[in-house]
Protein backbone atom coordinates (compact mmCIF):
# COMPACT_ATOMS: atom_id res chain seq x y z
CA UNK A 1 0.00 0.00 0.00
CA UNK A 2 1.21 3.53 -0.76
CA UNK A 3 2.14 5.69 2.19
CA UNK A 4 1.07 9.12 0.95
CA UNK A 5 2.64 10.99 3.86
CA UNK A 6 6.02 9.45 3.07
CA UNK A 7 5.66 10.18 -0.65
CA UNK A 8 4.81 13.81 0.04
CA UNK A 9 7.96 14.17 2.15
CA UNK A 10 10.03 12.89 -0.81
CA UNK A 11 8.37 15.24 -3.30
CA UNK A 12 10.57 17.83 -5.01
CA UNK A 13 9.20 20.12 -7.73
CA UNK A 14 10.56 19.60 -11.21
CA UNK A 15 13.14 22.25 -12.08
CA UNK A 16 11.97 22.39 -15.68
CA UNK A 17 8.53 23.54 -14.58
CA UNK A 18 9.99 26.24 -12.32
CA UNK A 19 12.19 27.47 -15.18
CA UNK A 20 9.19 27.50 -17.51
CA UNK A 21 7.15 29.50 -15.00
CA UNK A 22 9.93 32.07 -14.67
CA UNK A 23 10.14 32.43 -18.45
CA UNK A 24 6.40 32.77 -18.84
CA UNK A 25 6.02 35.36 -16.09
CA UNK A 26 9.08 37.32 -17.27
CA UNK A 27 7.78 37.50 -20.86
CA UNK A 28 6.12 40.85 -21.44
CA UNK A 29 3.53 39.99 -24.04
CA UNK A 30 1.17 42.52 -25.54
CA UNK A 31 -2.53 41.94 -25.62
CA UNK A 32 -4.97 43.38 -28.14
CA UNK A 33 -5.60 46.55 -26.14
CA UNK A 34 -1.85 47.28 -25.96
CA UNK A 35 -1.53 46.86 -29.71
CA UNK A 36 -4.54 49.09 -30.38
CA UNK A 37 -3.21 51.82 -28.09
CA UNK A 38 0.13 51.71 -29.86
CA UNK A 39 -1.57 51.95 -33.26
CA UNK A 40 -3.65 54.94 -32.12
CA UNK A 41 -0.51 56.70 -30.85
CA UNK A 42 1.21 56.11 -34.19
CA UNK A 43 -1.80 57.42 -36.12
CA UNK A 44 -1.94 60.54 -33.95
CA UNK A 45 1.78 61.18 -34.44
CA UNK A 46 1.48 60.74 -38.23
CA UNK A 47 -1.33 63.34 -38.34
CA UNK A 48 0.85 66.06 -36.79
PDB file of N, CA and C in Angstrom:
ATOM      1  N   UNK A   1       0.834  -1.174   0.000  1.00  0.00           N
ATOM      2  CA  UNK A   1       0.000   0.000   0.000  1.00  0.00           C
ATOM      3  C   UNK A   1       0.890   1.253   0.000  1.00  0.00           C
ATOM      4  N   UNK A   2       0.434   2.301  -0.647  1.00  0.00           N
ATOM      5  CA  UNK A   2       1.211   3.530  -0.762  1.00  0.00           C
ATOM      6  C   UNK A   2       1.034   4.375   0.493  1.00  0.00           C
ATOM      7  N   UNK A   3       2.156   4.796   1.052  1.00  0.00           N
ATOM      8  CA  UNK A   3       2.136   5.688   2.191  1.00  0.00           C
ATOM      9  C   UNK A   3       2.236   7.126   1.656  1.00  0.00           C
ATOM     10  N   UNK A   4       1.112   7.803   1.562  1.00  0.00           N
ATOM     11  CA  UNK A   4       1.071   9.120   0.950  1.00  0.00           C
ATOM     12  C   UNK A   4       1.880  10.151   1.738  1.00  0.00           C
ATOM     13  N   UNK A   5       1.866  10.057   3.041  1.00  0.00           N
ATOM     14  CA  UNK A   5       2.637  10.994   3.857  1.00  0.00           C
ATOM     15  C   UNK A   5       4.131  10.891   3.542  1.00  0.00           C
ATOM     16  N   UNK A   6       4.608   9.668   3.393  1.00  0.00           N
ATOM     17  CA  UNK A   6       6.022   9.445   3.072  1.00  0.00           C
ATOM     18  C   UNK A   6       6.352   9.940   1.656  1.00  0.00           C
ATOM     19  N   UNK A   7       5.445   9.726   0.729  1.00  0.00           N
ATOM     20  CA  UNK A   7       5.660  10.176  -0.646  1.00  0.00           C
ATOM     21  C   UNK A   7       5.676  11.696  -0.731  1.00  0.00           C
ATOM     22  N   UNK A   8       4.837  12.350   0.029  1.00  0.00           N
ATOM     23  CA  UNK A   8       4.809  13.814   0.042  1.00  0.00           C
ATOM     24  C   UNK A   8       6.111  14.371   0.593  1.00  0.00           C
ATOM     25  N   UNK A   9       6.676  13.731   1.595  1.00  0.00           N
ATOM     26  CA  UNK A   9       7.962  14.168   2.146  1.00  0.00           C
ATOM     27  C   UNK A   9       9.073  14.074   1.109  1.00  0.00           C
ATOM     28  N   UNK A  10       9.001  13.092   0.221  1.00  0.00           N
ATOM     29  CA  UNK A  10      10.028  12.894  -0.810  1.00  0.00           C
ATOM     30  C   UNK A  10       9.859  13.841  -1.997  1.00  0.00           C
ATOM     31  N   UNK A  11       8.687  14.434  -2.120  1.00  0.00           N
ATOM     32  CA  UNK A  11       8.368  15.237  -3.300  1.00  0.00           C
ATOM     33  C   UNK A  11       9.280  16.447  -3.435  1.00  0.00           C
ATOM     34  N   UNK A  12       9.795  16.634  -4.658  1.00  0.00           N
ATOM     35  CA  UNK A  12      10.571  17.827  -5.006  1.00  0.00           C
ATOM     36  C   UNK A  12      10.049  18.309  -6.348  1.00  0.00           C
ATOM     37  N   UNK A  13       9.734  19.616  -6.464  1.00  0.00           N
ATOM     38  CA  UNK A  13       9.203  20.125  -7.727  1.00  0.00           C
ATOM     39  C   UNK A  13      10.222  19.964  -8.865  1.00  0.00           C
ATOM     40  N   UNK A  14       9.718  19.752 -10.026  1.00  0.00           N
ATOM     41  CA  UNK A  14      10.555  19.603 -11.215  1.00  0.00           C
ATOM     42  C   UNK A  14      11.163  20.953 -11.570  1.00  0.00           C
ATOM     43  N   UNK A  15      12.466  21.000 -11.752  1.00  0.00           N
ATOM     44  CA  UNK A  15      13.142  22.253 -12.081  1.00  0.00           C
ATOM     45  C   UNK A  15      12.697  22.805 -13.430  1.00  0.00           C
ATOM     46  N   UNK A  16      12.400  21.928 -14.365  1.00  0.00           N
ATOM     47  CA  UNK A  16      11.970  22.388 -15.678  1.00  0.00           C
ATOM     48  C   UNK A  16      10.690  23.211 -15.586  1.00  0.00           C
ATOM     49  N   UNK A  17       9.784  22.802 -14.731  1.00  0.00           N
ATOM     50  CA  UNK A  17       8.533  23.541 -14.576  1.00  0.00           C
ATOM     51  C   UNK A  17       8.800  24.896 -13.948  1.00  0.00           C
ATOM     52  N   UNK A  18       9.654  24.959 -12.947  1.00  0.00           N
ATOM     53  CA  UNK A  18       9.988  26.241 -12.325  1.00  0.00           C
ATOM     54  C   UNK A  18      10.648  27.174 -13.326  1.00  0.00           C
ATOM     55  N   UNK A  19      11.542  26.644 -14.156  1.00  0.00           N
ATOM     56  CA  UNK A  19      12.188  27.467 -15.178  1.00  0.00           C
ATOM     57  C   UNK A  19      11.160  27.964 -16.195  1.00  0.00           C
ATOM     58  N   UNK A  20      10.231  27.108 -16.567  1.00  0.00           N
ATOM     59  CA  UNK A  20       9.189  27.504 -17.513  1.00  0.00           C
ATOM     60  C   UNK A  20       8.318  28.600 -16.914  1.00  0.00           C
ATOM     61  N   UNK A  21       7.963  28.472 -15.652  1.00  0.00           N
ATOM     62  CA  UNK A  21       7.154  29.499 -14.995  1.00  0.00           C
ATOM     63  C   UNK A  21       7.874  30.837 -14.999  1.00  0.00           C
ATOM     64  N   UNK A  22       9.160  30.832 -14.687  1.00  0.00           N
ATOM     65  CA  UNK A  22       9.931  32.073 -14.675  1.00  0.00           C
ATOM     66  C   UNK A  22       9.942  32.715 -16.055  1.00  0.00           C
ATOM     67  N   UNK A  23      10.116  31.910 -17.080  1.00  0.00           N
ATOM     68  CA  UNK A  23      10.140  32.434 -18.448  1.00  0.00           C
ATOM     69  C   UNK A  23       8.789  33.015 -18.842  1.00  0.00           C
ATOM     70  N   UNK A  24       7.744  32.313 -18.478  1.00  0.00           N
ATOM     71  CA  UNK A  24       6.403  32.770 -18.842  1.00  0.00           C
ATOM     72  C   UNK A  24       6.070  34.076 -18.132  1.00  0.00           C
ATOM     73  N   UNK A  25       6.344  34.150 -16.840  1.00  0.00           N
ATOM     74  CA  UNK A  25       6.020  35.362 -16.089  1.00  0.00           C
ATOM     75  C   UNK A  25       6.922  36.529 -16.465  1.00  0.00           C
ATOM     76  N   UNK A  26       8.146  36.260 -16.895  1.00  0.00           N
ATOM     77  CA  UNK A  26       9.076  37.320 -17.272  1.00  0.00           C
ATOM     78  C   UNK A  26       8.766  37.870 -18.669  1.00  0.00           C
ATOM     79  N   UNK A  27       8.076  37.086 -19.496  1.00  0.00           N
ATOM     80  CA  UNK A  27       7.778  37.497 -20.861  1.00  0.00           C
ATOM     81  C   UNK A  27       6.712  38.583 -20.846  1.00  0.00           C
ATOM     82  N   UNK A  28       7.051  39.718 -21.418  1.00  0.00           N
ATOM     83  CA  UNK A  28       6.124  40.846 -21.440  1.00  0.00           C
ATOM     84  C   UNK A  28       5.364  40.840 -22.765  1.00  0.00           C
ATOM     85  N   UNK A  29       4.291  40.086 -22.795  1.00  0.00           N
ATOM     86  CA  UNK A  29       3.527  39.992 -24.039  1.00  0.00           C
ATOM     87  C   UNK A  29       2.492  41.109 -24.114  1.00  0.00           C
ATOM     88  N   UNK A  30       2.168  41.471 -25.326  1.00  0.00           N
ATOM     89  CA  UNK A  30       1.169  42.517 -25.543  1.00  0.00           C
ATOM     90  C   UNK A  30      -0.170  41.848 -25.823  1.00  0.00           C
ATOM     91  N   UNK A  31      -1.205  42.431 -25.279  1.00  0.00           N
ATOM     92  CA  UNK A  31      -2.530  41.944 -25.620  1.00  0.00           C
ATOM     93  C   UNK A  31      -3.132  42.890 -26.661  1.00  0.00           C
ATOM     94  N   UNK A  32      -4.332  42.616 -27.071  1.00  0.00           N
ATOM     95  CA  UNK A  32      -4.967  43.384 -28.140  1.00  0.00           C
ATOM     96  C   UNK A  32      -5.097  44.848 -27.768  1.00  0.00           C
ATOM     97  N   UNK A  33      -5.437  45.144 -26.530  1.00  0.00           N
ATOM     98  CA  UNK A  33      -5.600  46.547 -26.143  1.00  0.00           C
ATOM     99  C   UNK A  33      -4.269  47.297 -26.206  1.00  0.00           C
ATOM    100  N   UNK A  34      -3.157  46.643 -25.840  1.00  0.00           N
ATOM    101  CA  UNK A  34      -1.847  47.283 -25.957  1.00  0.00           C
ATOM    102  C   UNK A  34      -1.517  47.596 -27.410  1.00  0.00           C
ATOM    103  N   UNK A  35      -1.811  46.670 -28.285  1.00  0.00           N
ATOM    104  CA  UNK A  35      -1.533  46.864 -29.709  1.00  0.00           C
ATOM    105  C   UNK A  35      -2.387  47.996 -30.275  1.00  0.00           C
ATOM    106  N   UNK A  36      -3.668  48.028 -29.901  1.00  0.00           N
ATOM    107  CA  UNK A  36      -4.544  49.094 -30.384  1.00  0.00           C
ATOM    108  C   UNK A  36      -4.099  50.462 -29.883  1.00  0.00           C
ATOM    109  N   UNK A  37      -3.695  50.551 -28.625  1.00  0.00           N
ATOM    110  CA  UNK A  37      -3.214  51.822 -28.089  1.00  0.00           C
ATOM    111  C   UNK A  37      -1.968  52.292 -28.823  1.00  0.00           C
ATOM    112  N   UNK A  38      -1.075  51.364 -29.122  1.00  0.00           N
ATOM    113  CA  UNK A  38       0.134  51.712 -29.861  1.00  0.00           C
ATOM    114  C   UNK A  38      -0.210  52.192 -31.275  1.00  0.00           C
ATOM    115  N   UNK A  39      -1.159  51.544 -31.909  1.00  0.00           N
ATOM    116  CA  UNK A  39      -1.575  51.947 -33.256  1.00  0.00           C
ATOM    117  C   UNK A  39      -2.203  53.340 -33.236  1.00  0.00           C
ATOM    118  N   UNK A  40      -3.009  53.622 -32.233  1.00  0.00           N
ATOM    119  CA  UNK A  40      -3.651  54.935 -32.118  1.00  0.00           C
ATOM    120  C   UNK A  40      -2.586  56.016 -31.918  1.00  0.00           C
ATOM    121  N   UNK A  41      -1.590  55.740 -31.060  1.00  0.00           N
ATOM    122  CA  UNK A  41      -0.505  56.705 -30.854  1.00  0.00           C
ATOM    123  C   UNK A  41       0.233  56.988 -32.160  1.00  0.00           C
ATOM    124  N   UNK A  42       0.503  55.945 -32.921  1.00  0.00           N
ATOM    125  CA  UNK A  42       1.210  56.113 -34.186  1.00  0.00           C
ATOM    126  C   UNK A  42       0.381  56.931 -35.175  1.00  0.00           C
ATOM    127  N   UNK A  43      -0.915  56.682 -35.228  1.00  0.00           N
ATOM    128  CA  UNK A  43      -1.798  57.424 -36.125  1.00  0.00           C
ATOM    129  C   UNK A  43      -1.830  58.898 -35.723  1.00  0.00           C
ATOM    130  N   UNK A  44      -1.918  59.173 -34.438  1.00  0.00           N
ATOM    131  CA  UNK A  44      -1.938  60.542 -33.952  1.00  0.00           C
ATOM    132  C   UNK A  44      -0.627  61.265 -34.282  1.00  0.00           C
ATOM    133  N   UNK A  45       0.486  60.562 -34.141  1.00  0.00           N
ATOM    134  CA  UNK A  45       1.783  61.177 -34.445  1.00  0.00           C
ATOM    135  C   UNK A  45       1.956  61.416 -35.943  1.00  0.00           C
ATOM    136  N   UNK A  46       1.394  60.560 -36.778  1.00  0.00           N
ATOM    137  CA  UNK A  46       1.477  60.736 -38.227  1.00  0.00           C
ATOM    138  C   UNK A  46       0.630  61.926 -38.692  1.00  0.00           C
ATOM    139  N   UNK A  47      -0.444  62.239 -37.975  1.00  0.00           N
ATOM    140  CA  UNK A  47      -1.331  63.344 -38.345  1.00  0.00           C
ATOM    141  C   UNK A  47      -0.715  64.695 -38.039  1.00  0.00           C
ATOM    142  N   UNK A  48       0.274  64.764 -37.190  1.00  0.00           N
ATOM    143  CA  UNK A  48       0.851  66.059 -36.787  1.00  0.00           C
ATOM    144  C   UNK A  48       1.761  66.612 -37.825  1.00  0.00           C
TER     145      UNK A  48
END
